[in-house]
Amino acid sequence: MKAEHEESFRCFAEAAMPRLRRLAFASCRDPHRADDLVQSTLEKMYAAWPRVERVEDPGAYARTVLVRTLISEQRRRWWRAETSSADPHGEAGGSSVALAAEAVETRLVVAEALARLPERQRLVVVLRFLEDLSVAAVAELLGCSEGTVKSTSHDAVKALRVSLDFFAGQRV
């Protein structure tokens, strides 16, 4: 690869890596697997960079590559052997210790509720609400109909409500 392509890819990768990492972690709930997904995505992007850097939004292209890589790897049974549950990049919010503790507890409850969703539902929720993509964009990205995205999103939100109600009942 030419030096100018190398430098533009390096700049792109440094800027895109945190967002890709958040998307990957939110989708698979395993920080190590998320790192592997980001690495695979950037490897594929690097190989195609002379073509890709000319597209309108290389970040969207990278997101597509990441999601398709995730879907492809989900089809491999051996990949699911073990998962890690720690989020090494979590941050607590709030100005006091009590607010910080409550924020951490809320984050853990939501993370647990997300983790209970089937992978396809979790991916739709992450793409629709974390990445703020439209139904059409998610459908195109996942290679399914808009109706499938809507019904999957509906089922996932319903399951999240049940899980969050359950956790709220335990906290009282």
C-alpha atoms as a PDB file:
ATOM      1  CA  MET A   1       0.000   0.000   0.000  1.00  0.00           C
ATOM      2  CA  LYS A   2       1.242   3.484  -0.784  1.00  0.00           C
ATOM      3  CA  ALA A   3       2.389   5.783   2.006  1.00  0.00           C
ATOM      4  CA  GLU A   4      -0.560   8.192   1.625  1.00  0.00           C
ATOM      5  CA  HIS A   5      -3.027   5.291   1.883  1.00  0.00           C
ATOM      6  CA  GLU A   6      -1.174   3.965   4.932  1.00  0.00           C
ATOM      7  CA  GLU A   7      -1.409   7.310   6.689  1.00  0.00           C
ATOM      8  CA  SER A   8      -5.081   7.882   5.835  1.00  0.00           C
ATOM      9  CA  PHE A   9      -5.942   4.368   7.050  1.00  0.00           C
ATOM     10  CA  ARG A  10      -4.011   4.923  10.277  1.00  0.00           C
ATOM     11  CA  CYS A  11      -5.934   8.160  10.913  1.00  0.00           C
ATOM     12  CA  PHE A  12      -9.242   6.457  10.113  1.00  0.00           C
ATOM     13  CA  ALA A  13      -8.487   3.460  12.354  1.00  0.00           C
ATOM     14  CA  GLU A  14      -7.503   5.640  15.322  1.00  0.00           C
ATOM     15  CA  ALA A  15     -10.696   7.666  14.999  1.00  0.00           C
ATOM     16  CA  ALA A  16     -13.030   4.711  14.341  1.00  0.00           C
ATOM     17  CA  MET A  17     -11.656   2.203  16.844  1.00  0.00           C
ATOM     18  CA  PRO A  18     -13.458   3.452  20.003  1.00  0.00           C
ATOM     19  CA  ARG A  19     -16.851   3.502  18.310  1.00  0.00           C
ATOM     20  CA  LEU A  20     -16.283   0.116  16.688  1.00  0.00           C
ATOM     21  CA  ARG A  21     -15.222  -1.263  20.076  1.00  0.00           C
ATOM     22  CA  ARG A  22     -18.386   0.049  21.762  1.00  0.00           C
ATOM     23  CA  LEU A  23     -20.560  -1.410  19.001  1.00  0.00           C
ATOM     24  CA  ALA A  24     -18.794  -4.769  19.140  1.00  0.00           C
ATOM     25  CA  PHE A  25     -18.971  -4.990  22.941  1.00  0.00           C
ATOM     26  CA  ALA A  26     -22.618  -3.957  23.065  1.00  0.00           C
ATOM     27  CA  SER A  27     -23.430  -6.583  20.440  1.00  0.00           C
ATOM     28  CA  CYS A  28     -21.533  -9.573  21.819  1.00  0.00           C
ATOM     29  CA  ARG A  29     -21.132  -8.673  25.552  1.00  0.00           C
ATOM     30  CA  ASP A  30     -17.591 -10.107  25.653  1.00  0.00           C
ATOM     31  CA  PRO A  31     -14.718  -7.593  25.755  1.00  0.00           C
ATOM     32  CA  HIS A  32     -12.196 -10.060  24.336  1.00  0.00           C
ATOM     33  CA  ARG A  33     -14.455 -11.106  21.492  1.00  0.00           C
ATOM     34  CA  ALA A  34     -15.213  -7.419  20.854  1.00  0.00           C
ATOM     35  CA  ASP A  35     -11.496  -6.731  20.481  1.00  0.00           C
ATOM     36  CA  ASP A  36     -11.213  -9.651  18.049  1.00  0.00           C
ATOM     37  CA  LEU A  37     -14.153  -8.339  16.030  1.00  0.00           C
ATOM     38  CA  VAL A  38     -12.638  -4.866  15.805  1.00  0.00           C
ATOM     39  CA  GLN A  39      -9.302  -6.329  14.774  1.00  0.00           C
ATOM     40  CA  SER A  40     -10.928  -8.486  12.072  1.00  0.00           C
ATOM     41  CA  THR A  41     -12.900  -5.477  10.857  1.00  0.00           C
ATOM     42  CA  LEU A  42      -9.813  -3.287  10.623  1.00  0.00           C
ATOM     43  CA  GLU A  43      -7.883  -6.062   8.854  1.00  0.00           C
ATOM     44  CA  LYS A  44     -10.623  -6.294   6.221  1.00  0.00           C
ATOM     45  CA  MET A  45     -10.771  -2.518   5.946  1.00  0.00           C
ATOM     46  CA  TYR A  46      -6.995  -2.324   5.520  1.00  0.00           C
ATOM     47  CA  ALA A  47      -7.038  -4.862   2.708  1.00  0.00           C
ATOM     48  CA  ALA A  48      -9.690  -2.870   0.856  1.00  0.00           C
ATOM     49  CA  TRP A  49      -8.598   0.623   1.957  1.00  0.00           C
ATOM     50  CA  PRO A  50      -7.596   2.050  -1.453  1.00  0.00           C
ATOM     51  CA  ARG A  51     -11.219   1.431  -2.568  1.00  0.00           C
ATOM     52  CA  VAL A  52     -12.886   2.142   0.764  1.00  0.00           C
ATOM     53  CA  GLU A  53     -11.319   5.527   1.477  1.00  0.00           C
ATOM     54  CA  ARG A  54     -13.198   6.908  -1.532  1.00  0.00           C
ATOM     55  CA  VAL A  55     -16.646   5.968  -0.178  1.00  0.00           C
ATOM     56  CA  GLU A  56     -18.786   8.689   1.353  1.00  0.00           C
ATOM     57  CA  ASP A  57     -18.740   7.293   4.909  1.00  0.00           C
ATOM     58  CA  PRO A  58     -15.938   4.814   5.702  1.00  0.00           C
ATOM     59  CA  GLY A  59     -17.267   4.606   9.278  1.00  0.00           C
ATOM     60  CA  ALA A  60     -20.575   3.210   8.060  1.00  0.00           C
ATOM     61  CA  TYR A  61     -18.674   0.801   5.833  1.00  0.00           C
ATOM     62  CA  ALA A  62     -16.635  -0.342   8.856  1.00  0.00           C
ATOM     63  CA  ARG A  63     -19.811  -0.791  10.903  1.00  0.00           C
ATOM     64  CA  THR A  64     -21.231  -2.985   8.129  1.00  0.00           C
ATOM     65  CA  VAL A  65     -18.052  -5.056   8.011  1.00  0.00           C
ATOM     66  CA  LEU A  66     -18.131  -5.474  11.799  1.00  0.00           C
ATOM     67  CA  VAL A  67     -21.782  -6.561  11.887  1.00  0.00           C
ATOM     68  CA  ARG A  68     -21.336  -9.028   9.034  1.00  0.00           C
ATOM     69  CA  THR A  69     -18.218 -10.429  10.695  1.00  0.00           C
ATOM     70  CA  LEU A  70     -20.153 -10.836  13.936  1.00  0.00           C
ATOM     71  CA  ILE A  71     -23.030 -12.596  12.185  1.00  0.00           C
ATOM     72  CA  SER A  72     -20.608 -14.877  10.358  1.00  0.00           C
ATOM     73  CA  GLU A  73     -18.832 -15.793  13.589  1.00  0.00           C
ATOM     74  CA  GLN A  74     -22.121 -16.416  15.409  1.00  0.00           C
ATOM     75  CA  ARG A  75     -22.795 -19.199  12.956  1.00  0.00           C
ATOM     76  CA  ARG A  76     -19.699 -21.037  14.192  1.00  0.00           C
ATOM     77  CA  ARG A  77     -20.619 -23.104  17.224  1.00  0.00           C
ATOM     78  CA  TRP A  78     -17.079 -23.359  18.553  1.00  0.00           C
ATOM     79  CA  TRP A  79     -16.899 -19.593  18.968  1.00  0.00           C
ATOM     80  CA  ARG A  80     -19.471 -19.645  21.768  1.00  0.00           C
ATOM     81  CA  ALA A  81     -17.455 -21.893  24.084  1.00  0.00           C
ATOM     82  CA  GLU A  82     -16.731 -19.238  26.702  1.00  0.00           C
ATOM     83  CA  THR A  83     -17.602 -15.616  27.352  1.00  0.00           C
ATOM     84  CA  SER A  84     -16.226 -13.005  29.658  1.00  0.00           C
ATOM     85  CA  SER A  85     -18.549 -10.707  31.575  1.00  0.00           C
ATOM     86  CA  ALA A  86     -16.321  -7.779  32.561  1.00  0.00           C
ATOM     87  CA  ASP A  87     -16.543  -4.422  30.798  1.00  0.00           C
ATOM     88  CA  PRO A  88     -13.060  -2.939  31.211  1.00  0.00           C
ATOM     89  CA  HIS A  89     -14.097   0.318  29.558  1.00  0.00           C
ATOM     90  CA  GLY A  90     -17.032   1.171  31.844  1.00  0.00           C
ATOM     91  CA  GLU A  91     -17.283   4.571  33.435  1.00  0.00           C
ATOM     92  CA  ALA A  92     -19.366   5.641  36.402  1.00  0.00           C
ATOM     93  CA  GLY A  93     -21.344   8.861  36.262  1.00  0.00           C
ATOM     94  CA  GLY A  94     -22.464  11.321  38.926  1.00  0.00           C
ATOM     95  CA  SER A  95     -20.745  13.742  41.216  1.00  0.00           C
ATOM     96  CA  SER A  96     -21.204  11.930  44.527  1.00  0.00           C
ATOM     97  CA  VAL A  97     -20.418   8.413  45.619  1.00  0.00           C
ATOM     98  CA  ALA A  98     -24.127   7.588  45.980  1.00  0.00           C
ATOM     99  CA  LEU A  99     -24.929   8.830  42.466  1.00  0.00           C
ATOM    100  CA  ALA A 100     -21.935   6.972  41.061  1.00  0.00           C
ATOM    101  CA  ALA A 101     -22.981   3.757  42.792  1.00  0.00           C
ATOM    102  CA  GLU A 102     -26.538   4.105  41.507  1.00  0.00           C
ATOM    103  CA  ALA A 103     -25.293   4.776  37.989  1.00  0.00           C
ATOM    104  CA  VAL A 104     -23.070   1.703  38.128  1.00  0.00           C
ATOM    105  CA  GLU A 105     -25.923  -0.422  39.460  1.00  0.00           C
ATOM    106  CA  THR A 106     -28.256   0.815  36.716  1.00  0.00           C
ATOM    107  CA  ARG A 107     -25.617   0.139  34.077  1.00  0.00           C
ATOM    108  CA  LEU A 108     -25.095  -3.389  35.410  1.00  0.00           C
ATOM    109  CA  VAL A 109     -28.838  -4.090  35.451  1.00  0.00           C
ATOM    110  CA  VAL A 110     -29.245  -2.889  31.865  1.00  0.00           C
ATOM    111  CA  ALA A 111     -26.153  -4.842  30.770  1.00  0.00           C
ATOM    112  CA  GLU A 112     -27.543  -7.991  32.403  1.00  0.00           C
ATOM    113  CA  ALA A 113     -30.920  -7.474  30.726  1.00  0.00           C
ATOM    114  CA  LEU A 114     -29.196  -7.019  27.353  1.00  0.00           C
ATOM    115  CA  ALA A 115     -27.065 -10.098  27.938  1.00  0.00           C
ATOM    116  CA  ARG A 116     -30.227 -12.184  28.466  1.00  0.00           C
ATOM    117  CA  LEU A 117     -31.507 -11.325  24.982  1.00  0.00           C
ATOM    118  CA  PRO A 118     -30.818 -13.718  22.125  1.00  0.00           C
ATOM    119  CA  GLU A 119     -27.904 -12.496  20.013  1.00  0.00           C
ATOM    120  CA  ARG A 120     -30.063 -11.421  17.061  1.00  0.00           C
ATOM    121  CA  GLN A 121     -32.382  -9.348  19.280  1.00  0.00           C
ATOM    122  CA  ARG A 122     -29.417  -7.809  21.107  1.00  0.00           C
ATOM    123  CA  LEU A 123     -27.804  -6.865  17.787  1.00  0.00           C
ATOM    124  CA  VAL A 124     -31.016  -5.203  16.555  1.00  0.00           C
ATOM    125  CA  VAL A 125     -31.377  -3.258  19.829  1.00  0.00           C
ATOM    126  CA  VAL A 126     -27.758  -2.109  19.686  1.00  0.00           C
ATOM    127  CA  LEU A 127     -27.991  -1.019  16.056  1.00  0.00           C
ATOM    128  CA  ARG A 128     -31.383   0.676  16.428  1.00  0.00           C
ATOM    129  CA  PHE A 129     -30.947   2.418  19.767  1.00  0.00           C
ATOM    130  CA  LEU A 130     -27.215   2.619  20.540  1.00  0.00           C
ATOM    131  CA  GLU A 131     -26.073   3.302  16.990  1.00  0.00           C
ATOM    132  CA  ASP A 132     -29.333   5.188  16.245  1.00  0.00           C
ATOM    133  CA  LEU A 133     -29.828   3.564  12.840  1.00  0.00           C
ATOM    134  CA  SER A 134     -33.157   3.587  11.040  1.00  0.00           C
ATOM    135  CA  VAL A 135     -35.193   0.428  10.531  1.00  0.00           C
ATOM    136  CA  ALA A 136     -34.258   0.475   6.843  1.00  0.00           C
ATOM    137  CA  ALA A 137     -30.545   0.815   7.621  1.00  0.00           C
ATOM    138  CA  VAL A 138     -30.630  -2.079  10.099  1.00  0.00           C
ATOM    139  CA  ALA A 139     -32.563  -4.228   7.628  1.00  0.00           C
ATOM    140  CA  GLU A 140     -30.022  -3.527   4.921  1.00  0.00           C
ATOM    141  CA  LEU A 141     -27.115  -4.155   7.271  1.00  0.00           C
ATOM    142  CA  LEU A 142     -28.525  -7.479   8.503  1.00  0.00           C
ATOM    143  CA  GLY A 143     -29.836  -8.560   5.105  1.00  0.00           C
ATOM    144  CA  CYS A 144     -33.450  -8.965   6.197  1.00  0.00           C
ATOM    145  CA  SER A 145     -36.752  -7.188   5.701  1.00  0.00           C
ATOM    146  CA  GLU A 146     -37.813  -4.050   7.562  1.00  0.00           C
ATOM    147  CA  GLY A 147     -40.705  -6.016   9.034  1.00  0.00           C
ATOM    148  CA  THR A 148     -38.248  -8.499  10.532  1.00  0.00           C
ATOM    149  CA  VAL A 149     -36.289  -5.653  12.121  1.00  0.00           C
ATOM    150  CA  LYS A 150     -39.492  -4.139  13.515  1.00  0.00           C
ATOM    151  CA  SER A 151     -40.764  -7.401  14.972  1.00  0.00           C
ATOM    152  CA  THR A 152     -37.347  -8.329  16.364  1.00  0.00           C
ATOM    153  CA  SER A 153     -37.009  -4.868  17.893  1.00  0.00           C
ATOM    154  CA  HIS A 154     -40.503  -5.109  19.370  1.00  0.00           C
ATOM    155  CA  ASP A 155     -39.813  -8.543  20.868  1.00  0.00           C
ATOM    156  CA  ALA A 156     -36.446  -7.387  22.245  1.00  0.00           C
ATOM    157  CA  VAL A 157     -37.878  -4.261  23.881  1.00  0.00           C
ATOM    158  CA  LYS A 158     -40.690  -6.336  25.379  1.00  0.00           C
ATOM    159  CA  ALA A 159     -38.144  -8.825  26.781  1.00  0.00           C
ATOM    160  CA  LEU A 160     -36.010  -5.969  28.127  1.00  0.00           C
ATOM    161  CA  ARG A 161     -39.026  -4.502  29.922  1.00  0.00           C
ATOM    162  CA  VAL A 162     -39.759  -7.857  31.531  1.00  0.00           C
ATOM    163  CA  SER A 163     -36.122  -8.265  32.591  1.00  0.00           C
ATOM    164  CA  LEU A 164     -35.874  -4.724  33.925  1.00  0.00           C
ATOM    165  CA  ASP A 165     -39.166  -5.115  35.835  1.00  0.00           C
ATOM    166  CA  PHE A 166     -37.795  -8.324  37.317  1.00  0.00           C
ATOM    167  CA  PHE A 167     -34.578  -6.600  38.418  1.00  0.00           C
ATOM    168  CA  ALA A 168     -36.520  -3.633  39.783  1.00  0.00           C
ATOM    169  CA  GLY A 169     -38.630  -6.034  41.847  1.00  0.00           C
ATOM    170  CA  GLN A 170     -35.493  -7.600  43.295  1.00  0.00           C
ATOM    171  CA  ARG A 171     -34.058  -4.209  44.332  1.00  0.00           C
ATOM    172  CA  VAL A 172     -37.085  -3.186  46.417  1.00  0.00           C
END
